[in-house]
Amino acid sequence: MIKNFLLERLPWILLFCFLNLLLLFIGYVDPSIPFTSFLYIVFLSVVIFILFLIIRYQKEISFYKSLEELHPSLELESLLGSNTPYEKIIRQAFERQSLFLKQETNMHTTQVEQERDELLSWIHEVKTPLTTMQLMIDRVDNEALRAQLQYEWLRIHLLLDQQLHQRRILSIENDLYIERLSLESIIYSEIKALQSWCFQKGTGFNVTLVTKEVLSDGKWLGFIIRQLLTNAVKYSENTDIIISSTEHQGMVRLTIQDYGRGIDPRDMPRLFDKGFTSTTNHKNHGATGMGLYLAKKAAKSLEVQLTVQSILNEGTTFLLTFARKNDFVKLTSM
């Protein structure tokens, strides 16, 4: 800070040095005036100038230090009071910028919330004709046609459901209701929803649940399992998907294992990144890259650890780890 202070005032310091050197030069070339008098005057002026710099540094350093340490959030309360006219100009400029940015942020926040509400409303409205379409599909006599229509209906339903949870996940903390849940009920409900797709791909399920209860939110846990099952069915063909639960050291573990195409090792670090759609089948324009990202984000809010293991061309295993005793126990007992 001292270096910056001196550099800022370097022109004035150089001017002072030049004037004093000029004074010494005049005393040297003019024998009518004693040279020692000039030396004495220069010495006193240097001492006074140094004291002046020290005093000014002490007065100005507090403002500039607070300016240097100012948080990017532009909370100007941390900026110390300004004394000089230039410091007041700087503070006023920051206050105008802060006010402008806050107004812009509030405007954009309101706009985003309005667009989110409109999209949620649209999704709920679309669900009505989807329900009607389901009733119409059930009346189709041609089994092959009915299976194909059911598959396309399921794709639309899953995409809408993903969009709905993508908008809701921003405020997931306000939407949680922690209770003891039956894993069997949730898993079989999600399997039933994917039934038509599984028939088409020749995919079956082998479910073995040693531990059948967990403490979590039913709606969001169902969403996580739905994304993992959808991913497993999508990349499997004519194989069974193994679902099992165990308990180890007080931790409930739910495993979803498929024998599909697996995941390329270079994709593993980015698997849960937003929008990542893999490098193995990068030309698949139908993939959104949001399913596993949302599942990971929801799992974090539920205090559930979501991990994955995979071998390319052999299969993938997703593991959900629940803690029986965690902060949610306190919430349910309040």
C-alpha atoms as a PDB file:
ATOM      1  CA  MET A   1       0.000   0.000   0.000  1.00  0.00           C
ATOM      2  CA  ILE A   2       2.910   2.409   0.765  1.00  0.00           C
ATOM      3  CA  LYS A   3       4.375   1.730  -2.661  1.00  0.00           C
ATOM      4  CA  ASN A   4       1.063   2.491  -4.357  1.00  0.00           C
ATOM      5  CA  PHE A   5       0.693   5.647  -2.266  1.00  0.00           C
ATOM      6  CA  LEU A   6       4.123   6.926  -3.348  1.00  0.00           C
ATOM      7  CA  LEU A   7       3.603   5.953  -6.991  1.00  0.00           C
ATOM      8  CA  GLU A   8       0.281   7.818  -7.032  1.00  0.00           C
ATOM      9  CA  ARG A   9       2.078  10.990  -5.858  1.00  0.00           C
ATOM     10  CA  LEU A  10       5.271  10.476  -7.824  1.00  0.00           C
ATOM     11  CA  PRO A  11       4.827  13.586 -10.055  1.00  0.00           C
ATOM     12  CA  TRP A  12       4.481  15.805  -6.969  1.00  0.00           C
ATOM     13  CA  ILE A  13       7.488  14.168  -5.292  1.00  0.00           C
ATOM     14  CA  LEU A  14       9.572  14.667  -8.444  1.00  0.00           C
ATOM     15  CA  LEU A  15       8.443  18.308  -8.618  1.00  0.00           C
ATOM     16  CA  PHE A  16       9.480  18.833  -4.994  1.00  0.00           C
ATOM     17  CA  CYS A  17      12.880  17.264  -5.625  1.00  0.00           C
ATOM     18  CA  PHE A  18      13.369  19.367  -8.763  1.00  0.00           C
ATOM     19  CA  LEU A  19      12.548  22.622  -6.930  1.00  0.00           C
ATOM     20  CA  ASN A  20      14.941  21.824  -4.097  1.00  0.00           C
ATOM     21  CA  LEU A  21      17.706  20.875  -6.500  1.00  0.00           C
ATOM     22  CA  LEU A  22      17.063  24.109  -8.369  1.00  0.00           C
ATOM     23  CA  LEU A  23      17.369  26.015  -5.097  1.00  0.00           C
ATOM     24  CA  LEU A  24      20.696  24.315  -4.321  1.00  0.00           C
ATOM     25  CA  PHE A  25      21.925  25.055  -7.837  1.00  0.00           C
ATOM     26  CA  ILE A  26      21.074  28.771  -7.454  1.00  0.00           C
ATOM     27  CA  GLY A  27      22.898  28.868  -4.092  1.00  0.00           C
ATOM     28  CA  TYR A  28      25.892  27.168  -5.680  1.00  0.00           C
ATOM     29  CA  VAL A  29      26.211  29.565  -8.641  1.00  0.00           C
ATOM     30  CA  ASP A  30      25.318  32.749  -6.689  1.00  0.00           C
ATOM     31  CA  PRO A  31      28.203  33.560  -4.286  1.00  0.00           C
ATOM     32  CA  SER A  32      26.288  36.511  -2.776  1.00  0.00           C
ATOM     33  CA  ILE A  33      24.142  34.115  -0.752  1.00  0.00           C
ATOM     34  CA  PRO A  34      25.763  31.613   1.653  1.00  0.00           C
ATOM     35  CA  PHE A  35      25.385  28.058   0.330  1.00  0.00           C
ATOM     36  CA  THR A  36      24.914  26.665   3.853  1.00  0.00           C
ATOM     37  CA  SER A  37      21.704  28.687   4.170  1.00  0.00           C
ATOM     38  CA  PHE A  38      20.326  26.971   1.091  1.00  0.00           C
ATOM     39  CA  LEU A  39      21.283  23.595   2.535  1.00  0.00           C
ATOM     40  CA  TYR A  40      19.495  24.422   5.760  1.00  0.00           C
ATOM     41  CA  ILE A  41      16.342  25.541   3.898  1.00  0.00           C
ATOM     42  CA  VAL A  42      16.349  22.396   1.739  1.00  0.00           C
ATOM     43  CA  PHE A  43      16.875  20.175   4.790  1.00  0.00           C
ATOM     44  CA  LEU A  44      13.912  21.739   6.605  1.00  0.00           C
ATOM     45  CA  SER A  45      11.677  21.490   3.541  1.00  0.00           C
ATOM     46  CA  VAL A  46      12.591  17.797   3.086  1.00  0.00           C
ATOM     47  CA  VAL A  47      11.782  17.044   6.737  1.00  0.00           C
ATOM     48  CA  ILE A  48       8.482  18.919   6.503  1.00  0.00           C
ATOM     49  CA  PHE A  49       7.613  17.190   3.225  1.00  0.00           C
ATOM     50  CA  ILE A  50       8.315  13.734   4.682  1.00  0.00           C
ATOM     51  CA  LEU A  51       6.163  14.508   7.723  1.00  0.00           C
ATOM     52  CA  PHE A  52       3.442  15.747   5.394  1.00  0.00           C
ATOM     53  CA  LEU A  53       3.551  12.481   3.401  1.00  0.00           C
ATOM     54  CA  ILE A  54       3.344  10.416   6.598  1.00  0.00           C
ATOM     55  CA  ILE A  55       0.341  12.373   7.880  1.00  0.00           C
ATOM     56  CA  ARG A  56      -1.445  12.187   4.516  1.00  0.00           C
ATOM     57  CA  TYR A  57      -0.733   8.468   4.290  1.00  0.00           C
ATOM     58  CA  GLN A  58      -2.312   7.865   7.706  1.00  0.00           C
ATOM     59  CA  LYS A  59      -5.385   9.897   6.733  1.00  0.00           C
ATOM     60  CA  GLU A  60      -5.916   8.375   3.295  1.00  0.00           C
ATOM     61  CA  ILE A  61      -4.862   4.764   3.848  1.00  0.00           C
ATOM     62  CA  SER A  62      -8.049   3.727   5.708  1.00  0.00           C
ATOM     63  CA  PHE A  63     -10.313   4.701   2.816  1.00  0.00           C
ATOM     64  CA  TYR A  64      -8.142   3.049   0.169  1.00  0.00           C
ATOM     65  CA  LYS A  65      -7.702  -0.109   2.245  1.00  0.00           C
ATOM     66  CA  SER A  66     -11.448  -0.456   2.634  1.00  0.00           C
ATOM     67  CA  LEU A  67     -11.761   0.185  -1.116  1.00  0.00           C
ATOM     68  CA  GLU A  68      -9.197  -2.537  -1.857  1.00  0.00           C
ATOM     69  CA  GLU A  69     -10.987  -5.019   0.438  1.00  0.00           C
ATOM     70  CA  LEU A  70     -14.469  -4.116  -0.793  1.00  0.00           C
ATOM     71  CA  HIS A  71     -16.533  -7.267  -1.355  1.00  0.00           C
ATOM     72  CA  PRO A  72     -17.687  -7.922  -4.957  1.00  0.00           C
ATOM     73  CA  SER A  73     -21.290  -7.819  -3.724  1.00  0.00           C
ATOM     74  CA  LEU A  74     -20.857  -4.007  -3.557  1.00  0.00           C
ATOM     75  CA  GLU A  75     -22.026  -3.770   0.044  1.00  0.00           C
ATOM     76  CA  LEU A  76     -20.868  -0.188   0.554  1.00  0.00           C
ATOM     77  CA  GLU A  77     -21.393  -0.312   4.310  1.00  0.00           C
ATOM     78  CA  SER A  78     -17.889  -1.823   4.570  1.00  0.00           C
ATOM     79  CA  LEU A  79     -16.417   1.220   2.781  1.00  0.00           C
ATOM     80  CA  LEU A  80     -15.104   3.677   5.397  1.00  0.00           C
ATOM     81  CA  GLY A  81     -16.171   7.297   5.398  1.00  0.00           C
ATOM     82  CA  SER A  82     -14.736   9.558   2.712  1.00  0.00           C
ATOM     83  CA  ASN A  83     -13.113  12.859   3.699  1.00  0.00           C
ATOM     84  CA  THR A  84     -11.547  14.415   0.621  1.00  0.00           C
ATOM     85  CA  PRO A  85     -13.511  15.614  -2.441  1.00  0.00           C
ATOM     86  CA  TYR A  86     -12.041  12.847  -4.621  1.00  0.00           C
ATOM     87  CA  GLU A  87     -12.910  10.158  -2.074  1.00  0.00           C
ATOM     88  CA  LYS A  88     -16.469  11.484  -2.014  1.00  0.00           C
ATOM     89  CA  ILE A  89     -16.611  11.309  -5.813  1.00  0.00           C
ATOM     90  CA  ILE A  90     -15.410   7.663  -5.704  1.00  0.00           C
ATOM     91  CA  ARG A  91     -17.964   6.727  -3.041  1.00  0.00           C
ATOM     92  CA  GLN A  92     -20.830   8.407  -4.916  1.00  0.00           C
ATOM     93  CA  ALA A  93     -19.814   6.593  -8.111  1.00  0.00           C
ATOM     94  CA  PHE A  94     -19.880   3.259  -6.271  1.00  0.00           C
ATOM     95  CA  GLU A  95     -23.260   4.074  -4.719  1.00  0.00           C
ATOM     96  CA  ARG A  96     -24.748   4.882  -8.142  1.00  0.00           C
ATOM     97  CA  GLN A  97     -23.319   1.685  -9.616  1.00  0.00           C
ATOM     98  CA  SER A  98     -24.543  -0.386  -6.676  1.00  0.00           C
ATOM     99  CA  LEU A  99     -28.049   1.066  -6.948  1.00  0.00           C
ATOM    100  CA  PHE A 100     -28.137   0.445 -10.701  1.00  0.00           C
ATOM    101  CA  LEU A 101     -26.945  -3.169 -10.363  1.00  0.00           C
ATOM    102  CA  LYS A 102     -29.450  -3.897  -7.589  1.00  0.00           C
ATOM    103  CA  GLN A 103     -32.285  -2.524  -9.726  1.00  0.00           C
ATOM    104  CA  GLU A 104     -31.122  -4.608 -12.702  1.00  0.00           C
ATOM    105  CA  THR A 105     -30.824  -7.722 -10.517  1.00  0.00           C
ATOM    106  CA  ASN A 106     -34.299  -7.246  -9.060  1.00  0.00           C
ATOM    107  CA  MET A 107     -35.759  -6.732 -12.529  1.00  0.00           C
ATOM    108  CA  HIS A 108     -34.102  -9.855 -13.947  1.00  0.00           C
ATOM    109  CA  THR A 109     -35.024 -11.904 -10.856  1.00  0.00           C
ATOM    110  CA  THR A 110     -38.658 -10.879 -11.219  1.00  0.00           C
ATOM    111  CA  GLN A 111     -38.557 -11.723 -14.928  1.00  0.00           C
ATOM    112  CA  VAL A 112     -36.997 -15.156 -14.315  1.00  0.00           C
ATOM    113  CA  GLU A 113     -39.541 -15.973 -11.591  1.00  0.00           C
ATOM    114  CA  GLN A 114     -42.363 -14.908 -13.874  1.00  0.00           C
ATOM    115  CA  GLU A 115     -41.050 -17.085 -16.725  1.00  0.00           C
ATOM    116  CA  ARG A 116     -40.646 -20.011 -14.306  1.00  0.00           C
ATOM    117  CA  ASP A 117     -44.215 -19.626 -13.064  1.00  0.00           C
ATOM    118  CA  GLU A 118     -45.495 -19.432 -16.637  1.00  0.00           C
ATOM    119  CA  LEU A 119     -43.568 -22.571 -17.598  1.00  0.00           C
ATOM    120  CA  LEU A 120     -44.840 -24.465 -14.550  1.00  0.00           C
ATOM    121  CA  SER A 121     -48.369 -23.404 -15.414  1.00  0.00           C
ATOM    122  CA  TRP A 122     -47.871 -24.560 -19.008  1.00  0.00           C
ATOM    123  CA  ILE A 123     -46.512 -27.938 -17.876  1.00  0.00           C
ATOM    124  CA  HIS A 124     -49.540 -28.506 -15.650  1.00  0.00           C
ATOM    125  CA  GLU A 125     -51.871 -27.551 -18.508  1.00  0.00           C
ATOM    126  CA  VAL A 126     -50.125 -29.985 -20.876  1.00  0.00           C
ATOM    127  CA  LYS A 127     -50.639 -32.812 -18.398  1.00  0.00           C
ATOM    128  CA  THR A 128     -54.407 -32.660 -18.973  1.00  0.00           C
ATOM    129  CA  PRO A 129     -54.267 -33.582 -22.695  1.00  0.00           C
ATOM    130  CA  LEU A 130     -51.601 -36.159 -21.853  1.00  0.00           C
ATOM    131  CA  THR A 131     -54.029 -37.866 -19.498  1.00  0.00           C
ATOM    132  CA  THR A 132     -56.656 -37.824 -22.240  1.00  0.00           C
ATOM    133  CA  MET A 133     -54.140 -39.264 -24.710  1.00  0.00           C
ATOM    134  CA  GLN A 134     -53.416 -42.098 -22.290  1.00  0.00           C
ATOM    135  CA  LEU A 135     -57.096 -43.021 -22.176  1.00  0.00           C
ATOM    136  CA  MET A 136     -57.242 -42.928 -25.996  1.00  0.00           C
ATOM    137  CA  ILE A 137     -54.123 -45.097 -26.294  1.00  0.00           C
ATOM    138  CA  ASP A 138     -55.664 -47.707 -23.992  1.00  0.00           C
ATOM    139  CA  ARG A 139     -58.549 -48.054 -26.475  1.00  0.00           C
ATOM    140  CA  VAL A 140     -56.279 -48.805 -29.470  1.00  0.00           C
ATOM    141  CA  ASP A 141     -56.816 -52.422 -30.592  1.00  0.00           C
ATOM    142  CA  ASN A 142     -53.598 -52.819 -32.572  1.00  0.00           C
ATOM    143  CA  GLU A 143     -51.069 -53.967 -29.953  1.00  0.00           C
ATOM    144  CA  ALA A 144     -47.972 -52.921 -31.931  1.00  0.00           C
ATOM    145  CA  LEU A 145     -49.409 -49.476 -32.568  1.00  0.00           C
ATOM    146  CA  ARG A 146     -50.532 -49.154 -28.950  1.00  0.00           C
ATOM    147  CA  ALA A 147     -47.040 -50.073 -27.699  1.00  0.00           C
ATOM    148  CA  GLN A 148     -45.427 -47.518 -30.008  1.00  0.00           C
ATOM    149  CA  LEU A 149     -47.872 -44.784 -28.984  1.00  0.00           C
ATOM    150  CA  GLN A 150     -47.365 -45.657 -25.330  1.00  0.00           C
ATOM    151  CA  TYR A 151     -43.593 -45.354 -25.741  1.00  0.00           C
ATOM    152  CA  GLU A 152     -43.846 -41.925 -27.386  1.00  0.00           C
ATOM    153  CA  TRP A 153     -46.329 -40.810 -24.717  1.00  0.00           C
ATOM    154  CA  LEU A 154     -43.889 -41.931 -22.019  1.00  0.00           C
ATOM    155  CA  ARG A 155     -41.062 -39.941 -23.612  1.00  0.00           C
ATOM    156  CA  ILE A 156     -43.164 -36.762 -23.555  1.00  0.00           C
ATOM    157  CA  HIS A 157     -44.244 -37.463 -19.978  1.00  0.00           C
ATOM    158  CA  LEU A 158     -40.650 -37.955 -18.770  1.00  0.00           C
ATOM    159  CA  LEU A 159     -39.411 -34.807 -20.514  1.00  0.00           C
ATOM    160  CA  LEU A 160     -42.205 -32.737 -18.973  1.00  0.00           C
ATOM    161  CA  ASP A 161     -41.534 -34.271 -15.572  1.00  0.00           C
ATOM    162  CA  GLN A 162     -37.837 -33.428 -15.900  1.00  0.00           C
ATOM    163  CA  GLN A 163     -38.657 -29.828 -16.823  1.00  0.00           C
ATOM    164  CA  LEU A 164     -41.043 -29.554 -13.886  1.00  0.00           C
ATOM    165  CA  HIS A 165     -38.434 -30.737 -11.381  1.00  0.00           C
ATOM    166  CA  GLN A 166     -35.732 -28.625 -13.012  1.00  0.00           C
ATOM    167  CA  ARG A 167     -37.769 -25.502 -12.206  1.00  0.00           C
ATOM    168  CA  ARG A 168     -38.705 -26.679  -8.732  1.00  0.00           C
ATOM    169  CA  ILE A 169     -35.207 -27.705  -7.715  1.00  0.00           C
ATOM    170  CA  LEU A 170     -34.191 -24.051  -7.310  1.00  0.00           C
ATOM    171  CA  SER A 171     -36.408 -23.924  -4.218  1.00  0.00           C
ATOM    172  CA  ILE A 172     -36.193 -27.578  -3.196  1.00  0.00           C
ATOM    173  CA  GLU A 173     -35.524 -26.689   0.465  1.00  0.00           C
ATOM    174  CA  ASN A 174     -39.049 -25.246   0.671  1.00  0.00           C
ATOM    175  CA  ASP A 175     -40.564 -28.377  -0.876  1.00  0.00           C
ATOM    176  CA  LEU A 176     -39.150 -31.109   1.368  1.00  0.00           C
ATOM    177  CA  TYR A 177     -41.237 -33.284   3.664  1.00  0.00           C
ATOM    178  CA  ILE A 178     -39.069 -35.827   5.454  1.00  0.00           C
ATOM    179  CA  GLU A 179     -40.708 -39.078   6.521  1.00  0.00           C
ATOM    180  CA  ARG A 180     -40.110 -42.811   6.679  1.00  0.00           C
ATOM    181  CA  LEU A 181     -40.645 -44.236   3.206  1.00  0.00           C
ATOM    182  CA  SER A 182     -41.112 -47.690   1.757  1.00  0.00           C
ATOM    183  CA  LEU A 183     -38.410 -48.261  -0.859  1.00  0.00           C
ATOM    184  CA  GLU A 184     -40.407 -51.131  -2.299  1.00  0.00           C
ATOM    185  CA  SER A 185     -43.433 -48.933  -2.942  1.00  0.00           C
ATOM    186  CA  ILE A 186     -41.436 -46.171  -4.637  1.00  0.00           C
ATOM    187  CA  ILE A 187     -39.336 -48.526  -6.782  1.00  0.00           C
ATOM    188  CA  TYR A 188     -42.267 -50.614  -8.033  1.00  0.00           C
ATOM    189  CA  SER A 189     -44.237 -47.453  -8.792  1.00  0.00           C
ATOM    190  CA  GLU A 190     -41.399 -46.143 -10.963  1.00  0.00           C
ATOM    191  CA  ILE A 191     -40.924 -49.532 -12.660  1.00  0.00           C
ATOM    192  CA  LYS A 192     -44.627 -49.644 -13.493  1.00  0.00           C
ATOM    193  CA  ALA A 193     -44.417 -46.198 -15.107  1.00  0.00           C
ATOM    194  CA  LEU A 194     -41.618 -47.463 -17.398  1.00  0.00           C
ATOM    195  CA  GLN A 195     -43.377 -50.753 -18.167  1.00  0.00           C
ATOM    196  CA  SER A 196     -44.207 -50.087 -21.831  1.00  0.00           C
ATOM    197  CA  TRP A 197     -40.673 -48.922 -22.578  1.00  0.00           C
ATOM    198  CA  CYS A 198     -39.189 -51.964 -20.850  1.00  0.00           C
ATOM    199  CA  PHE A 199     -41.410 -54.338 -22.873  1.00  0.00           C
ATOM    200  CA  GLN A 200     -40.230 -52.688 -26.063  1.00  0.00           C
ATOM    201  CA  LYS A 201     -36.549 -53.066 -25.133  1.00  0.00           C
ATOM    202  CA  GLY A 202     -36.866 -56.516 -23.581  1.00  0.00           C
ATOM    203  CA  THR A 203     -35.664 -55.189 -20.227  1.00  0.00           C
ATOM    204  CA  GLY A 204     -36.637 -56.809 -16.941  1.00  0.00           C
ATOM    205  CA  PHE A 205     -36.019 -56.071 -13.268  1.00  0.00           C
ATOM    206  CA  ASN A 206     -34.627 -58.192 -10.468  1.00  0.00           C
ATOM    207  CA  VAL A 207     -35.504 -56.493  -7.169  1.00  0.00           C
ATOM    208  CA  THR A 208     -34.037 -57.683  -3.853  1.00  0.00           C
ATOM    209  CA  LEU A 209     -34.592 -55.342  -0.923  1.00  0.00           C
ATOM    210  CA  VAL A 210     -33.060 -56.403   2.381  1.00  0.00           C
ATOM    211  CA  THR A 211     -33.696 -52.971   3.917  1.00  0.00           C
ATOM    212  CA  LYS A 212     -37.072 -51.629   2.888  1.00  0.00           C
ATOM    213  CA  GLU A 213     -37.334 -48.285   4.689  1.00  0.00           C
ATOM    214  CA  VAL A 214     -35.439 -45.012   4.445  1.00  0.00           C
ATOM    215  CA  LEU A 215     -35.876 -41.518   5.833  1.00  0.00           C
ATOM    216  CA  SER A 216     -36.333 -39.065   2.961  1.00  0.00           C
ATOM    217  CA  ASP A 217     -38.771 -37.029   0.865  1.00  0.00           C
ATOM    218  CA  GLY A 218     -41.046 -39.274  -1.193  1.00  0.00           C
ATOM    219  CA  LYS A 219     -41.528 -36.990  -4.195  1.00  0.00           C
ATOM    220  CA  TRP A 220     -37.868 -36.091  -4.678  1.00  0.00           C
ATOM    221  CA  LEU A 221     -36.561 -39.575  -3.903  1.00  0.00           C
ATOM    222  CA  GLY A 222     -38.979 -40.926  -6.498  1.00  0.00           C
ATOM    223  CA  PHE A 223     -37.621 -38.391  -8.995  1.00  0.00           C
ATOM    224  CA  ILE A 224     -34.013 -39.480  -8.323  1.00  0.00           C
ATOM    225  CA  ILE A 225     -34.845 -43.175  -8.726  1.00  0.00           C
ATOM    226  CA  ARG A 226     -36.847 -42.357 -11.874  1.00  0.00           C
ATOM    227  CA  GLN A 227     -33.824 -40.666 -13.467  1.00  0.00           C
ATOM    228  CA  LEU A 228     -31.520 -43.575 -12.600  1.00  0.00           C
ATOM    229  CA  LEU A 229     -33.987 -46.203 -13.869  1.00  0.00           C
ATOM    230  CA  THR A 230     -34.610 -44.194 -17.045  1.00  0.00           C
ATOM    231  CA  ASN A 231     -30.877 -44.003 -17.634  1.00  0.00           C
ATOM    232  CA  ALA A 232     -30.492 -47.746 -17.029  1.00  0.00           C
ATOM    233  CA  VAL A 233     -33.348 -48.703 -19.381  1.00  0.00           C
ATOM    234  CA  LYS A 234     -32.187 -46.256 -22.052  1.00  0.00           C
ATOM    235  CA  TYR A 235     -28.750 -47.840 -22.371  1.00  0.00           C
ATOM    236  CA  SER A 236     -29.752 -51.490 -21.859  1.00  0.00           C
ATOM    237  CA  GLU A 237     -31.098 -54.020 -24.352  1.00  0.00           C
ATOM    238  CA  ASN A 238     -32.574 -57.486 -23.593  1.00  0.00           C
ATOM    239  CA  THR A 239     -31.026 -57.623 -20.115  1.00  0.00           C
ATOM    240  CA  ASP A 240     -32.222 -57.406 -16.534  1.00  0.00           C
ATOM    241  CA  ILE A 241     -31.638 -54.423 -14.272  1.00  0.00           C
ATOM    242  CA  ILE A 242     -30.631 -55.438 -10.750  1.00  0.00           C
ATOM    243  CA  ILE A 243     -32.047 -53.366  -7.870  1.00  0.00           C
ATOM    244  CA  SER A 244     -30.978 -54.213  -4.336  1.00  0.00           C
ATOM    245  CA  SER A 245     -30.745 -52.621  -0.914  1.00  0.00           C
ATOM    246  CA  THR A 246     -28.483 -53.436   1.995  1.00  0.00           C
ATOM    247  CA  GLU A 247     -27.473 -51.912   5.315  1.00  0.00           C
ATOM    248  CA  HIS A 248     -23.844 -51.373   6.281  1.00  0.00           C
ATOM    249  CA  GLN A 249     -22.640 -49.613   9.436  1.00  0.00           C
ATOM    250  CA  GLY A 250     -25.993 -47.921   9.890  1.00  0.00           C
ATOM    251  CA  MET A 251     -26.086 -46.743   6.267  1.00  0.00           C
ATOM    252  CA  VAL A 252     -28.822 -47.911   3.894  1.00  0.00           C
ATOM    253  CA  ARG A 253     -27.501 -48.514   0.394  1.00  0.00           C
ATOM    254  CA  LEU A 254     -29.696 -48.770  -2.700  1.00  0.00           C
ATOM    255  CA  THR A 255     -27.958 -50.171  -5.792  1.00  0.00           C
ATOM    256  CA  ILE A 256     -29.251 -49.937  -9.377  1.00  0.00           C
ATOM    257  CA  GLN A 257     -27.120 -52.029 -11.726  1.00  0.00           C
ATOM    258  CA  ASP A 258     -27.530 -52.471 -15.476  1.00  0.00           C
ATOM    259  CA  TYR A 259     -25.616 -54.458 -18.087  1.00  0.00           C
ATOM    260  CA  GLY A 260     -25.817 -51.929 -20.884  1.00  0.00           C
ATOM    261  CA  ARG A 261     -23.166 -50.084 -22.841  1.00  0.00           C
ATOM    262  CA  GLY A 262     -21.442 -48.620 -19.774  1.00  0.00           C
ATOM    263  CA  ILE A 263     -19.698 -45.287 -19.480  1.00  0.00           C
ATOM    264  CA  ASP A 264     -16.425 -44.256 -21.082  1.00  0.00           C
ATOM    265  CA  PRO A 265     -13.795 -43.598 -18.342  1.00  0.00           C
ATOM    266  CA  ARG A 266     -13.100 -40.142 -19.800  1.00  0.00           C
ATOM    267  CA  ASP A 267     -16.784 -39.241 -19.262  1.00  0.00           C
ATOM    268  CA  MET A 268     -16.879 -40.225 -15.585  1.00  0.00           C
ATOM    269  CA  PRO A 269     -15.603 -36.906 -14.113  1.00  0.00           C
ATOM    270  CA  ARG A 270     -18.252 -34.962 -16.075  1.00  0.00           C
ATOM    271  CA  LEU A 271     -21.143 -37.407 -15.717  1.00  0.00           C
ATOM    272  CA  PHE A 272     -23.153 -35.232 -13.317  1.00  0.00           C
ATOM    273  CA  ASP A 273     -22.299 -31.924 -15.000  1.00  0.00           C
ATOM    274  CA  LYS A 274     -25.170 -29.820 -16.285  1.00  0.00           C
ATOM    275  CA  GLY A 275     -25.845 -30.435 -19.974  1.00  0.00           C
ATOM    276  CA  PHE A 276     -23.211 -33.171 -20.416  1.00  0.00           C
ATOM    277  CA  THR A 277     -24.422 -35.817 -22.899  1.00  0.00           C
ATOM    278  CA  SER A 278     -21.349 -38.109 -23.134  1.00  0.00           C
ATOM    279  CA  THR A 279     -18.651 -38.326 -25.774  1.00  0.00           C
ATOM    280  CA  THR A 280     -19.429 -41.942 -26.709  1.00  0.00           C
ATOM    281  CA  ASN A 281     -22.674 -41.115 -28.517  1.00  0.00           C
ATOM    282  CA  HIS A 282     -22.269 -37.383 -29.008  1.00  0.00           C
ATOM    283  CA  LYS A 283     -24.559 -37.290 -32.051  1.00  0.00           C
ATOM    284  CA  ASN A 284     -27.589 -38.281 -29.951  1.00  0.00           C
ATOM    285  CA  HIS A 285     -29.581 -35.044 -30.258  1.00  0.00           C
ATOM    286  CA  GLY A 286     -32.390 -36.409 -28.069  1.00  0.00           C
ATOM    287  CA  ALA A 287     -30.253 -36.353 -24.927  1.00  0.00           C
ATOM    288  CA  THR A 288     -30.599 -33.267 -22.713  1.00  0.00           C
ATOM    289  CA  GLY A 289     -27.803 -33.945 -20.243  1.00  0.00           C
ATOM    290  CA  MET A 290     -30.068 -32.854 -17.379  1.00  0.00           C
ATOM    291  CA  GLY A 291     -31.332 -36.101 -15.822  1.00  0.00           C
ATOM    292  CA  LEU A 292     -28.244 -37.138 -13.851  1.00  0.00           C
ATOM    293  CA  TYR A 293     -27.384 -33.506 -13.061  1.00  0.00           C
ATOM    294  CA  LEU A 294     -30.800 -32.971 -11.451  1.00  0.00           C
ATOM    295  CA  ALA A 295     -30.615 -36.341  -9.675  1.00  0.00           C
ATOM    296  CA  LYS A 296     -27.247 -35.419  -8.150  1.00  0.00           C
ATOM    297  CA  LYS A 297     -28.481 -31.983  -7.103  1.00  0.00           C
ATOM    298  CA  ALA A 298     -31.657 -33.380  -5.520  1.00  0.00           C
ATOM    299  CA  ALA A 299     -29.663 -36.112  -3.751  1.00  0.00           C
ATOM    300  CA  LYS A 300     -27.374 -33.492  -2.214  1.00  0.00           C
ATOM    301  CA  SER A 301     -30.379 -31.623  -0.806  1.00  0.00           C
ATOM    302  CA  LEU A 302     -31.718 -34.889   0.645  1.00  0.00           C
ATOM    303  CA  GLU A 303     -28.360 -35.707   2.292  1.00  0.00           C
ATOM    304  CA  VAL A 304     -28.104 -38.750   0.016  1.00  0.00           C
ATOM    305  CA  GLN A 305     -24.754 -39.687  -1.499  1.00  0.00           C
ATOM    306  CA  LEU A 306     -25.019 -40.602  -5.191  1.00  0.00           C
ATOM    307  CA  THR A 307     -22.024 -42.405  -6.715  1.00  0.00           C
ATOM    308  CA  VAL A 308     -21.432 -44.397  -9.893  1.00  0.00           C
ATOM    309  CA  GLN A 309     -19.177 -47.186 -11.087  1.00  0.00           C
ATOM    310  CA  SER A 310     -19.029 -48.345 -14.685  1.00  0.00           C
ATOM    311  CA  ILE A 311     -17.105 -50.515 -17.127  1.00  0.00           C
ATOM    312  CA  LEU A 312     -17.412 -49.655 -20.803  1.00  0.00           C
ATOM    313  CA  ASN A 313     -19.509 -52.207 -22.749  1.00  0.00           C
ATOM    314  CA  GLU A 314     -20.233 -54.151 -19.536  1.00  0.00           C
ATOM    315  CA  GLY A 315     -22.613 -52.013 -17.485  1.00  0.00           C
ATOM    316  CA  THR A 316     -23.120 -49.301 -14.900  1.00  0.00           C
ATOM    317  CA  THR A 317     -23.924 -49.311 -11.193  1.00  0.00           C
ATOM    318  CA  PHE A 318     -25.461 -46.349  -9.383  1.00  0.00           C
ATOM    319  CA  LEU A 319     -25.328 -46.344  -5.591  1.00  0.00           C
ATOM    320  CA  LEU A 320     -27.569 -44.269  -3.316  1.00  0.00           C
ATOM    321  CA  THR A 321     -26.351 -44.145   0.285  1.00  0.00           C
ATOM    322  CA  PHE A 322     -28.771 -43.009   3.009  1.00  0.00           C
ATOM    323  CA  ALA A 323     -27.845 -42.259   6.605  1.00  0.00           C
ATOM    324  CA  ARG A 324     -30.333 -43.659   9.128  1.00  0.00           C
ATOM    325  CA  LYS A 325     -29.326 -41.094  11.752  1.00  0.00           C
ATOM    326  CA  ASN A 326     -28.834 -37.623  10.371  1.00  0.00           C
ATOM    327  CA  ASP A 327     -30.241 -34.120  10.616  1.00  0.00           C
ATOM    328  CA  PHE A 328     -33.550 -35.276   9.181  1.00  0.00           C
ATOM    329  CA  VAL A 329     -34.221 -37.209  12.402  1.00  0.00           C
ATOM    330  CA  LYS A 330     -34.247 -33.898  14.287  1.00  0.00           C
ATOM    331  CA  LEU A 331     -36.613 -32.411  11.741  1.00  0.00           C
ATOM    332  CA  THR A 332     -39.140 -35.226  12.084  1.00  0.00           C
ATOM    333  CA  SER A 333     -39.054 -35.087  15.883  1.00  0.00           C
ATOM    334  CA  MET A 334     -39.726 -31.334  16.113  1.00  0.00           C
END
